Structure formats: structure tokens, C-alpha cells
């Protein structure tokens, strides 16, 4: 499975709006926007939800710039 950024997932894979995704991960759209821009890193609970909702395509490595080589 290929890892991808949160923005890439939302733009190319997710079938809903950013508002719907924010609700899926139990956060605000403002926080989601900060995650996308790299201004904030999700806490552990949110990170787990992101990983689950994206089917594992977005991982903690995506937020820390770590390649899964």
C-alpha cells in the first residue's frame, strides 16, 4: 500500500467533503486545515482515526516526513 499525504488523500481518494472528513475524525475543519498545511500535528487519538478512516494510506509518517522505505 502506498502512503500519501492527507491532502493527496482528500483530493484524490476521499469521496466526501473536507467537512465530512473532519466529522469522520472528530475534529473541526479549522484543525483539519492546519493538519493539511503542516501547522499542527494530530494527537494520538486523531492520528489513529485518520489512519483508520484512510484505510492506512495516511500514517503518522506522513506528518513527520518519514519515508516508509
N, C-alpha and C. Protein backbone atom coordinates (compact mmCIF):
# COMPACT_ATOMS: atom_id res chain seq x y z
N UNK A 1 0.85 -1.18 0.00
CA UNK A 1 0.00 0.00 0.00
C UNK A 1 0.89 1.24 0.00
N UNK A 2 0.52 2.20 -0.79
CA UNK A 2 1.29 3.43 -0.90
C UNK A 2 0.81 4.46 0.12
N UNK A 3 1.77 5.00 0.86
CA UNK A 3 1.44 6.09 1.78
C UNK A 3 1.22 7.36 0.99
N UNK A 4 0.38 8.23 1.52
CA UNK A 4 0.15 9.51 0.86
C UNK A 4 -0.11 10.58 1.91
N UNK A 5 0.01 11.82 1.48
CA UNK A 5 -0.27 12.92 2.38
C UNK A 5 -1.78 13.02 2.60
N UNK A 6 -2.13 13.69 3.67
CA UNK A 6 -3.55 13.90 3.96
C UNK A 6 -4.22 14.67 2.83
N UNK A 7 -3.57 15.70 2.34
CA UNK A 7 -4.15 16.50 1.25
C UNK A 7 -4.34 15.66 -0.01
N UNK A 8 -3.34 14.84 -0.35
CA UNK A 8 -3.47 13.97 -1.53
C UNK A 8 -4.63 13.01 -1.36
N UNK A 9 -4.77 12.44 -0.17
CA UNK A 9 -5.88 11.53 0.08
C UNK A 9 -7.22 12.25 -0.09
N UNK A 10 -7.34 13.42 0.50
CA UNK A 10 -8.61 14.15 0.43
C UNK A 10 -8.93 14.59 -1.00
N UNK A 11 -7.90 14.97 -1.74
CA UNK A 11 -8.10 15.44 -3.12
C UNK A 11 -8.38 14.31 -4.11
N UNK A 12 -7.79 13.13 -3.88
CA UNK A 12 -7.85 12.09 -4.91
C UNK A 12 -8.55 10.80 -4.51
N UNK A 13 -8.69 10.54 -3.22
CA UNK A 13 -9.24 9.26 -2.78
C UNK A 13 -10.56 9.38 -2.03
N UNK A 14 -10.67 10.40 -1.22
CA UNK A 14 -11.85 10.52 -0.36
C UNK A 14 -13.04 10.99 -1.18
N UNK A 15 -14.16 10.37 -1.00
CA UNK A 15 -15.34 10.68 -1.80
C UNK A 15 -16.22 11.79 -1.25
N UNK A 16 -15.87 12.34 -0.09
CA UNK A 16 -16.70 13.36 0.53
C UNK A 16 -15.99 14.70 0.62
N UNK A 17 -16.61 15.59 1.34
CA UNK A 17 -16.05 16.93 1.52
C UNK A 17 -15.08 16.94 2.69
N UNK A 18 -14.34 18.01 2.81
CA UNK A 18 -13.45 18.17 3.96
C UNK A 18 -14.24 18.28 5.25
N UNK A 19 -15.41 18.86 5.19
CA UNK A 19 -16.28 18.94 6.37
C UNK A 19 -16.68 17.54 6.83
N UNK A 20 -16.98 16.67 5.88
CA UNK A 20 -17.35 15.29 6.22
C UNK A 20 -16.16 14.53 6.80
N UNK A 21 -14.98 14.74 6.22
CA UNK A 21 -13.80 14.06 6.74
C UNK A 21 -13.50 14.53 8.16
N UNK A 22 -13.59 15.84 8.39
CA UNK A 22 -13.36 16.38 9.73
C UNK A 22 -14.31 15.73 10.73
N UNK A 23 -15.57 15.56 10.35
CA UNK A 23 -16.54 14.90 11.23
C UNK A 23 -16.15 13.43 11.44
N UNK A 24 -15.67 12.78 10.39
CA UNK A 24 -15.25 11.37 10.50
C UNK A 24 -14.12 11.18 11.51
N UNK A 25 -13.25 12.19 11.62
CA UNK A 25 -12.12 12.07 12.55
C UNK A 25 -12.36 12.90 13.82
N UNK A 26 -13.58 13.34 14.00
CA UNK A 26 -13.99 14.03 15.22
C UNK A 26 -13.15 15.26 15.52
N UNK A 27 -12.99 16.10 14.49
CA UNK A 27 -12.24 17.35 14.66
C UNK A 27 -12.93 18.46 13.88
N UNK A 28 -12.45 19.66 14.04
CA UNK A 28 -13.03 20.80 13.32
C UNK A 28 -12.39 20.93 11.94
N UNK A 29 -13.05 21.64 11.06
CA UNK A 29 -12.47 21.88 9.74
C UNK A 29 -11.23 22.77 9.87
N UNK A 30 -11.21 23.65 10.87
CA UNK A 30 -10.03 24.50 11.09
C UNK A 30 -8.82 23.64 11.46
N UNK A 31 -9.02 22.68 12.34
CA UNK A 31 -7.91 21.77 12.71
C UNK A 31 -7.47 20.95 11.52
N UNK A 32 -8.42 20.44 10.75
CA UNK A 32 -8.08 19.65 9.56
C UNK A 32 -7.23 20.48 8.61
N UNK A 33 -7.60 21.73 8.42
CA UNK A 33 -6.83 22.61 7.55
C UNK A 33 -5.41 22.81 8.07
N UNK A 34 -5.26 22.94 9.38
CA UNK A 34 -3.92 23.08 9.98
C UNK A 34 -3.10 21.81 9.77
N UNK A 35 -3.74 20.65 9.87
CA UNK A 35 -3.03 19.39 9.61
C UNK A 35 -2.54 19.34 8.17
N UNK A 36 -3.40 19.76 7.25
CA UNK A 36 -3.02 19.74 5.83
C UNK A 36 -1.86 20.67 5.53
N UNK A 37 -1.85 21.83 6.16
CA UNK A 37 -0.80 22.82 5.92
C UNK A 37 0.48 22.54 6.70
N UNK A 38 0.46 21.54 7.57
CA UNK A 38 1.63 21.22 8.37
C UNK A 38 1.85 22.16 9.53
N UNK A 39 0.82 22.91 9.90
CA UNK A 39 0.92 23.84 11.02
C UNK A 39 0.67 23.16 12.36
N UNK A 40 0.13 21.97 12.30
CA UNK A 40 -0.21 21.24 13.52
C UNK A 40 -0.13 19.74 13.22
N UNK A 41 0.29 18.98 14.21
CA UNK A 41 0.33 17.52 14.08
C UNK A 41 -0.78 16.95 14.94
N UNK A 42 -1.58 16.05 14.38
CA UNK A 42 -2.70 15.48 15.15
C UNK A 42 -2.22 14.75 16.41
N UNK A 43 -3.05 14.77 17.44
CA UNK A 43 -2.74 14.00 18.64
C UNK A 43 -2.93 12.52 18.33
N UNK A 44 -2.55 11.68 19.27
CA UNK A 44 -2.57 10.23 19.03
C UNK A 44 -3.96 9.72 18.65
N UNK A 45 -4.99 10.16 19.35
CA UNK A 45 -6.35 9.69 19.07
C UNK A 45 -6.77 10.09 17.65
N UNK A 46 -6.52 11.34 17.29
CA UNK A 46 -6.88 11.81 15.95
C UNK A 46 -6.06 11.10 14.89
N UNK A 47 -4.77 10.89 15.18
CA UNK A 47 -3.90 10.19 14.24
C UNK A 47 -4.44 8.78 13.98
N UNK A 48 -4.88 8.11 15.03
CA UNK A 48 -5.45 6.76 14.87
C UNK A 48 -6.71 6.80 14.01
N UNK A 49 -7.55 7.81 14.22
CA UNK A 49 -8.76 7.94 13.40
C UNK A 49 -8.42 8.21 11.94
N UNK A 50 -7.45 9.08 11.71
CA UNK A 50 -7.02 9.38 10.33
C UNK A 50 -6.53 8.10 9.67
N UNK A 51 -5.72 7.35 10.37
CA UNK A 51 -5.18 6.10 9.81
C UNK A 51 -6.32 5.13 9.48
N UNK A 52 -7.28 5.01 10.38
CA UNK A 52 -8.40 4.08 10.16
C UNK A 52 -9.30 4.55 9.02
N UNK A 53 -9.68 5.82 9.02
CA UNK A 53 -10.61 6.35 8.00
C UNK A 53 -9.98 6.32 6.61
N UNK A 54 -8.65 6.50 6.53
CA UNK A 54 -7.98 6.48 5.22
C UNK A 54 -7.56 5.09 4.80
N UNK A 55 -7.94 4.09 5.57
CA UNK A 55 -7.56 2.72 5.24
C UNK A 55 -6.07 2.50 5.29
N UNK A 56 -5.38 3.26 6.13
CA UNK A 56 -3.94 3.11 6.29
C UNK A 56 -3.11 3.86 5.28
N UNK A 57 -3.74 4.62 4.41
CA UNK A 57 -2.98 5.36 3.38
C UNK A 57 -2.29 6.59 3.94
N UNK A 58 -2.84 7.17 5.00
CA UNK A 58 -2.20 8.31 5.67
C UNK A 58 -1.78 7.81 7.05
N UNK A 59 -0.48 7.88 7.30
CA UNK A 59 0.08 7.36 8.56
C UNK A 59 0.76 8.49 9.32
N UNK A 60 1.17 8.24 10.56
CA UNK A 60 1.93 9.25 11.29
C UNK A 60 3.17 9.70 10.53
N UNK A 61 3.79 8.78 9.79
CA UNK A 61 4.97 9.15 8.99
C UNK A 61 4.66 10.28 8.03
N UNK A 62 3.43 10.35 7.54
CA UNK A 62 3.03 11.39 6.60
C UNK A 62 3.16 12.77 7.21
N UNK A 63 2.98 12.87 8.52
CA UNK A 63 3.03 14.16 9.19
C UNK A 63 4.43 14.54 9.63
N UNK A 64 5.30 13.54 9.75
CA UNK A 64 6.66 13.80 10.20
C UNK A 64 7.68 13.76 9.05
N UNK A 65 7.18 13.54 7.83
CA UNK A 65 8.06 13.49 6.67
C UNK A 65 9.00 12.30 6.64
N UNK A 66 8.55 11.18 7.22
CA UNK A 66 9.36 9.97 7.26
C UNK A 66 8.93 9.05 6.13
N UNK A 67 9.88 8.64 5.34
CA UNK A 67 9.59 7.74 4.23
C UNK A 67 9.53 6.30 4.74
N UNK A 68 8.56 5.57 4.26
CA UNK A 68 8.41 4.15 4.65
C UNK A 68 9.14 3.28 3.64
N UNK A 69 10.45 3.39 3.63
CA UNK A 69 11.26 2.66 2.64
C UNK A 69 11.48 1.24 2.99
